Protein backbone atom coordinates (compact mmCIF):
# COMPACT_ATOMS: atom_id res chain seq x y z
CA MET A 1 18.39 -282.94 -61.56
CA CYS A 2 21.05 -280.32 -62.26
CA LYS A 3 24.63 -281.44 -63.68
CA VAL A 4 27.62 -280.69 -61.92
CA ASP A 5 28.60 -278.02 -64.24
CA ASP A 6 25.38 -276.34 -64.22
CA ALA A 7 26.33 -275.76 -59.98
CA ARG A 8 29.61 -274.31 -60.26
CA PHE A 9 30.15 -270.90 -58.94
CA HIS A 10 32.20 -267.82 -59.38
CA ILE A 11 36.01 -268.48 -57.48
CA LEU A 12 35.44 -265.25 -55.60
CA THR A 13 32.01 -266.15 -53.97
CA MET A 14 33.23 -269.58 -53.28
CA MET A 15 36.42 -268.59 -51.49
CA TYR A 16 34.03 -266.00 -49.64
CA GLY A 17 32.23 -268.80 -48.57
CA PHE A 18 34.38 -270.77 -47.61
CA ARG A 19 36.54 -268.29 -45.77
CA ASP A 20 36.20 -270.29 -42.27
CA LYS A 21 37.27 -273.62 -43.25
CA GLN A 22 40.47 -275.31 -41.48
CA CYS A 23 43.22 -275.90 -43.90
CA HIS A 24 46.51 -277.37 -43.76
CA ASP A 25 48.12 -275.46 -46.74
CA ASP A 26 47.33 -272.03 -47.06
CA ARG A 27 47.62 -272.34 -50.95
CA ASP A 28 44.44 -274.54 -50.92
CA ARG A 29 42.10 -272.08 -49.59
CA LEU A 30 42.51 -271.13 -53.49
CA PHE A 31 43.68 -274.26 -55.30
CA ALA A 32 41.08 -276.48 -53.65
CA LEU A 33 38.12 -274.91 -55.25
CA ILE A 34 39.50 -273.94 -58.47
CA GLY A 35 37.91 -277.04 -59.87
CA ALA A 36 34.71 -276.28 -58.85
CA SER A 37 34.57 -273.20 -60.26
CA CYS A 38 32.96 -271.55 -63.37
CA ASP A 39 35.09 -268.89 -63.91
CA VAL A 40 38.64 -269.75 -63.59
CA VAL A 41 40.47 -271.55 -66.60
CA THR A 42 44.07 -273.18 -66.20
CA LYS A 43 45.86 -273.94 -69.17
CA ASP A 44 44.96 -277.47 -69.15
CA THR A 45 41.48 -276.79 -68.31
CA GLU A 46 38.53 -275.87 -71.08
CA GLN A 47 35.60 -273.66 -69.99
CA PRO A 48 33.02 -276.16 -69.63
CA PHE A 49 30.06 -274.02 -71.17
CA PRO A 50 30.14 -270.47 -72.81
CA MET A 51 31.38 -267.35 -71.11
CA THR A 52 32.84 -264.32 -72.59
CA HIS A 53 36.78 -263.92 -72.65
CA ARG A 54 36.48 -260.90 -70.26
CA SER A 55 34.60 -263.13 -67.62
CA MET A 56 37.11 -265.53 -67.32
CA ILE A 57 40.30 -265.55 -64.86
CA TYR A 58 43.17 -267.45 -66.18
CA TYR A 59 45.22 -268.66 -63.75
CA LYS A 60 46.97 -272.26 -62.98
CA PRO A 61 47.77 -273.57 -59.29
CA ASP A 62 51.30 -273.73 -58.61
CA TYR A 63 52.87 -275.68 -55.50
CA THR A 64 56.19 -273.94 -56.37
CA ALA A 65 54.81 -270.63 -55.19
CA THR A 66 54.64 -269.68 -51.78
CA THR A 67 51.26 -268.32 -50.20
CA GLU A 68 52.03 -264.95 -51.02
CA GLN A 69 53.01 -265.45 -54.65
CA ALA A 70 50.14 -267.55 -55.51
CA TYR A 71 47.75 -264.89 -53.94
CA LEU A 72 49.47 -262.10 -55.57
CA LEU A 73 49.43 -263.96 -59.18
CA PHE A 74 45.89 -264.91 -59.04
CA ALA A 75 45.02 -261.35 -58.21
CA GLN A 76 46.25 -259.70 -60.91
CA ALA A 77 44.67 -262.74 -62.94
CA ALA A 78 41.38 -261.71 -61.49
CA LEU A 79 42.00 -257.62 -62.32
CA ALA A 80 42.31 -258.94 -66.03
CA SER A 81 38.47 -260.15 -65.88
CA ASN A 82 35.21 -259.09 -65.21
CA SER A 83 35.67 -259.52 -61.09
CA ALA A 84 37.53 -256.84 -60.77
CA PHE A 85 35.63 -254.98 -58.33
CA ASN A 86 35.05 -258.50 -56.57
CA LEU A 87 38.51 -258.71 -56.09
CA LEU A 88 39.41 -254.69 -55.06
CA SER A 89 36.39 -255.33 -52.59
CA SER A 90 37.81 -258.61 -51.03
CA ALA A 91 41.39 -257.57 -50.67
CA ALA A 92 39.89 -254.74 -48.65
CA ALA A 93 37.59 -257.61 -46.76
CA PHE A 94 40.37 -259.93 -46.14
CA ARG A 95 43.38 -257.52 -44.86
CA TYR A 96 43.59 -256.11 -41.36
CA GLY A 97 42.66 -257.18 -37.70
CA ALA A 98 44.71 -259.63 -36.01
CA CYS A 99 46.24 -261.01 -39.24
CA GLN A 100 50.05 -259.70 -39.30
CA SER A 101 50.90 -261.87 -42.57
CA SER A 102 49.03 -259.78 -44.92
CA ARG A 103 51.43 -256.74 -44.64
CA THR A 104 53.80 -258.68 -47.40
CA LEU A 105 51.14 -258.89 -49.82
CA PRO A 106 49.87 -255.14 -51.48
CA SER A 107 46.61 -253.70 -50.55
CA TRP A 108 44.75 -254.49 -53.06
CA VAL A 109 45.58 -258.57 -52.90
CA PRO A 110 42.77 -260.22 -50.78
CA ASP A 111 44.92 -262.22 -47.99
CA TRP A 112 42.70 -265.14 -47.78
CA ARG A 113 44.41 -266.07 -44.23
CA CYS A 114 42.90 -263.29 -42.55
CA GLU A 115 39.71 -262.87 -40.70
CA LEU A 116 36.83 -260.92 -42.42
CA ILE A 117 36.46 -257.51 -41.11
CA TYR A 118 33.48 -256.57 -43.39
CA PHE A 119 31.14 -258.30 -45.91
CA PRO A 120 32.42 -257.52 -49.15
CA THR A 121 30.11 -256.34 -51.83
CA ILE A 122 31.05 -259.62 -54.41
CA ASP A 123 28.35 -261.30 -56.76
CA GLY A 124 26.65 -263.94 -55.06
CA ASP A 125 26.39 -261.90 -51.44
CA GLY A 126 23.07 -260.94 -51.62
CA TRP A 127 23.14 -257.55 -52.18
CA PHE A 128 23.84 -257.17 -56.45
CA ASP A 129 25.35 -258.68 -59.16
CA THR A 130 28.40 -256.05 -60.04
CA GLU A 131 28.45 -254.70 -63.44
CA PRO A 132 31.59 -255.43 -65.43
CA PHE A 133 34.57 -253.34 -63.94
CA THR A 134 36.71 -253.10 -66.48
CA ALA A 135 34.31 -251.16 -68.92
CA GLY A 136 36.63 -247.75 -68.27
CA PRO A 137 36.08 -244.73 -70.11
CA LEU A 138 35.85 -244.74 -73.94
CA GLN A 139 39.01 -244.03 -76.04
CA THR A 140 38.15 -241.80 -79.31
CA ALA A 141 40.17 -240.68 -82.01
CA ASN A 142 38.40 -238.05 -84.46
CA GLY A 143 35.59 -238.23 -83.23
CA MET A 144 35.00 -241.82 -83.45
CA SER A 145 34.46 -244.61 -80.61
CA LEU A 146 37.36 -247.16 -80.63
CA LYS A 147 37.14 -249.07 -77.39
CA HIS A 148 36.95 -248.88 -73.91
CA LEU A 149 39.66 -248.62 -71.30
CA PRO A 150 40.65 -250.64 -68.61
CA SER A 151 39.22 -249.27 -65.23
CA VAL A 152 42.09 -250.87 -63.54
CA VAL A 153 45.71 -252.18 -64.27
CA VAL A 154 48.48 -254.16 -62.97
CA ASN A 155 51.91 -251.88 -63.47
CA LYS A 156 55.22 -253.61 -64.55
CA ASP A 157 56.07 -253.87 -61.32
CA GLY A 158 53.38 -256.46 -60.39
CA ARG A 159 53.03 -255.00 -56.93
CA SER A 160 50.95 -251.89 -57.41
CA ILE A 161 47.56 -251.30 -60.01
CA THR A 162 46.32 -247.93 -61.48
CA LEU A 163 43.02 -247.20 -60.92
CA LYS A 164 41.03 -244.80 -63.14
CA ALA A 165 38.62 -243.27 -61.01
CA ARG A 166 36.64 -239.48 -59.86
CA PRO A 167 37.44 -238.35 -56.54
CA PHE A 168 34.61 -237.95 -54.64
CA GLY A 169 35.63 -236.19 -51.04
CA THR A 170 37.62 -236.87 -47.90
CA ILE A 171 36.83 -238.21 -44.70
CA GLU A 172 36.26 -235.19 -42.30
CA ARG A 173 34.49 -236.94 -39.35
CA ILE A 174 33.98 -240.54 -37.95
CA LEU A 175 30.28 -240.41 -35.83
CA GLU A 176 27.88 -242.84 -34.83
CA ARG A 177 28.62 -246.60 -34.61
CA VAL A 178 25.88 -248.50 -36.88
CA ARG A 179 25.64 -252.22 -37.63
CA PHE A 180 25.29 -252.79 -41.74
CA HIS A 181 27.19 -255.50 -42.71
CA GLY A 182 30.03 -254.89 -41.21
CA LEU A 183 30.21 -251.52 -42.25
CA ASP A 184 29.99 -250.50 -38.71
CA PHE A 185 30.34 -246.35 -38.82
CA THR A 186 28.79 -243.67 -40.42
CA ILE A 187 31.19 -240.81 -41.83
CA ASP A 188 31.14 -237.65 -42.84
CA ILE A 189 32.56 -236.49 -46.09
CA ASP A 190 33.93 -233.09 -47.00
CA ASN A 191 31.34 -232.54 -49.54
CA GLY A 192 28.40 -232.83 -47.34
CA TYR A 193 27.65 -236.37 -47.61
CA LEU A 194 27.34 -239.17 -45.08
CA ALA A 195 28.59 -242.61 -45.88
CA LEU A 196 29.05 -245.99 -44.28
CA ALA A 197 32.10 -247.88 -43.54
CA PRO A 198 34.05 -250.35 -41.56
CA VAL A 199 36.38 -249.86 -38.61
CA THR A 200 39.58 -249.47 -40.69
CA VAL A 201 38.72 -246.27 -41.97
CA ALA A 202 40.46 -242.90 -40.75
CA ILE A 203 39.83 -239.10 -40.56
CA GLY A 204 41.78 -238.05 -44.11
CA ASP A 205 41.13 -241.16 -46.17
CA HIS A 206 40.20 -240.46 -49.93
CA VAL A 207 36.79 -241.41 -51.06
CA ILE A 208 36.80 -241.87 -54.54
CA ILE A 209 34.42 -243.13 -57.39
CA PRO A 210 36.14 -245.79 -59.93
CA ILE A 211 35.04 -245.73 -63.39
CA GLY A 212 32.38 -248.59 -63.58
CA ALA A 213 32.31 -249.79 -59.77
CA PRO A 214 29.01 -250.27 -58.30
CA THR A 215 30.12 -248.57 -54.73
CA PRO A 216 32.94 -245.93 -53.72
CA LEU A 217 36.30 -246.85 -52.54
CA VAL A 218 38.45 -245.19 -49.77
CA LEU A 219 41.83 -245.22 -50.31
CA ARG A 220 44.80 -243.93 -48.15
CA ARG A 221 47.45 -241.52 -49.44
CA ASP A 222 51.08 -241.92 -48.12
CA GLU A 223 54.19 -239.99 -47.85
CA SER A 224 55.21 -240.96 -51.38
CA ALA A 225 51.91 -239.65 -53.08
CA ASN A 226 50.59 -243.72 -53.36
CA TYR A 227 47.58 -245.40 -51.85
CA THR A 228 47.04 -248.12 -50.25
CA LEU A 229 43.01 -249.73 -50.58
CA VAL A 230 41.23 -249.33 -47.24
CA SER A 231 37.45 -250.31 -48.07
CA ASN A 232 33.99 -250.14 -49.86
CA CYS A 233 32.15 -247.29 -48.26
CA TRP A 234 28.25 -246.80 -49.08
CA VAL A 235 26.87 -243.31 -49.27
CA ILE A 236 23.84 -242.60 -47.87
CA GLU A 237 20.74 -239.98 -47.66
CA ASP A 238 19.47 -240.89 -45.30
CA PRO A 239 21.50 -242.75 -42.22
CA THR A 240 17.83 -244.40 -41.17
CA ARG A 241 16.99 -246.00 -44.02
CA ILE A 242 19.72 -248.53 -45.68
CA VAL A 243 18.36 -249.70 -48.52
CA PRO A 244 21.10 -251.39 -50.95
CA PRO A 245 22.05 -251.48 -53.75
CA ALA A 246 21.06 -247.75 -53.95
CA GLN A 247 24.34 -246.54 -54.79
CA ASP A 248 23.62 -246.38 -58.62
CA TRP A 249 22.01 -242.37 -57.80
CA ILE A 250 25.99 -241.50 -56.48
CA MET A 251 28.14 -243.46 -59.06
CA ASN A 252 26.89 -241.73 -61.91
CA ALA A 253 25.66 -238.12 -60.67
CA ASP A 254 27.22 -236.05 -58.35
CA CYS A 255 30.60 -236.44 -59.50
CA GLY A 256 30.22 -236.31 -63.18
CA SER A 257 31.97 -232.76 -63.88
CA LYS A 258 35.03 -234.03 -62.07
CA PRO A 259 38.13 -235.20 -64.09
CA ILE A 260 38.95 -238.77 -64.00
CA ARG A 261 42.68 -239.41 -62.50
CA ASP A 262 44.83 -242.16 -62.08
CA TYR A 263 45.54 -243.72 -58.18
CA ARG A 264 48.58 -245.51 -58.00
CA ILE A 265 47.72 -248.42 -55.45
CA VAL A 266 49.99 -250.57 -53.63
């Protein structure tokens, strides 16, 4: 018989799993699951079993906060942990469609009130376990390795983030419709590659390779040279044979010679 603590799950996996449940208070879509999670630590709670510091999300429920404030503060906390990519993937999947309330939140913050647009690539969804996203490019001094810089940080304004990534290309055409975990369209990138993406992408969107991430992301540039997060995408070699995860070959290959740049996402 397993103990209760042994049966705990990562908070983002739980929120994805309970997405269709009814909730009188939308803050409880998050708050009600924290006690059963293995990776959220509040100020008053000790971790029930050993995990690394970077694996933990330090966040305490606060019913004086509005729903939007609660979701925003949780996202900020998650981006400081190894769940950063899972958080961004969820943000892109839980934002658009018929849900209008998400427009009050930055594009990198999941709005758990919204319906799911596509299946986010989060730990526990049956595809793969993501590697730590916050292990960024190595900082060196006089040829000696010092530390890894974070790949994503929350900016001082609290409503934008800076993401380190290599540019991959822009979407040139949106081609035939397919069915693959909600990534329903084949897109043609201007570097000659094809990818699978959800209905939220558009011609001209930027495809980037975030440092330390398991899949590319799609961003949309605005008139102020900022970006909004649109989705994940899956780069494919053969449209007739899609075998996840199979992204390592693209995440560590073609963009190796391109410089890492900062993307400000709002």
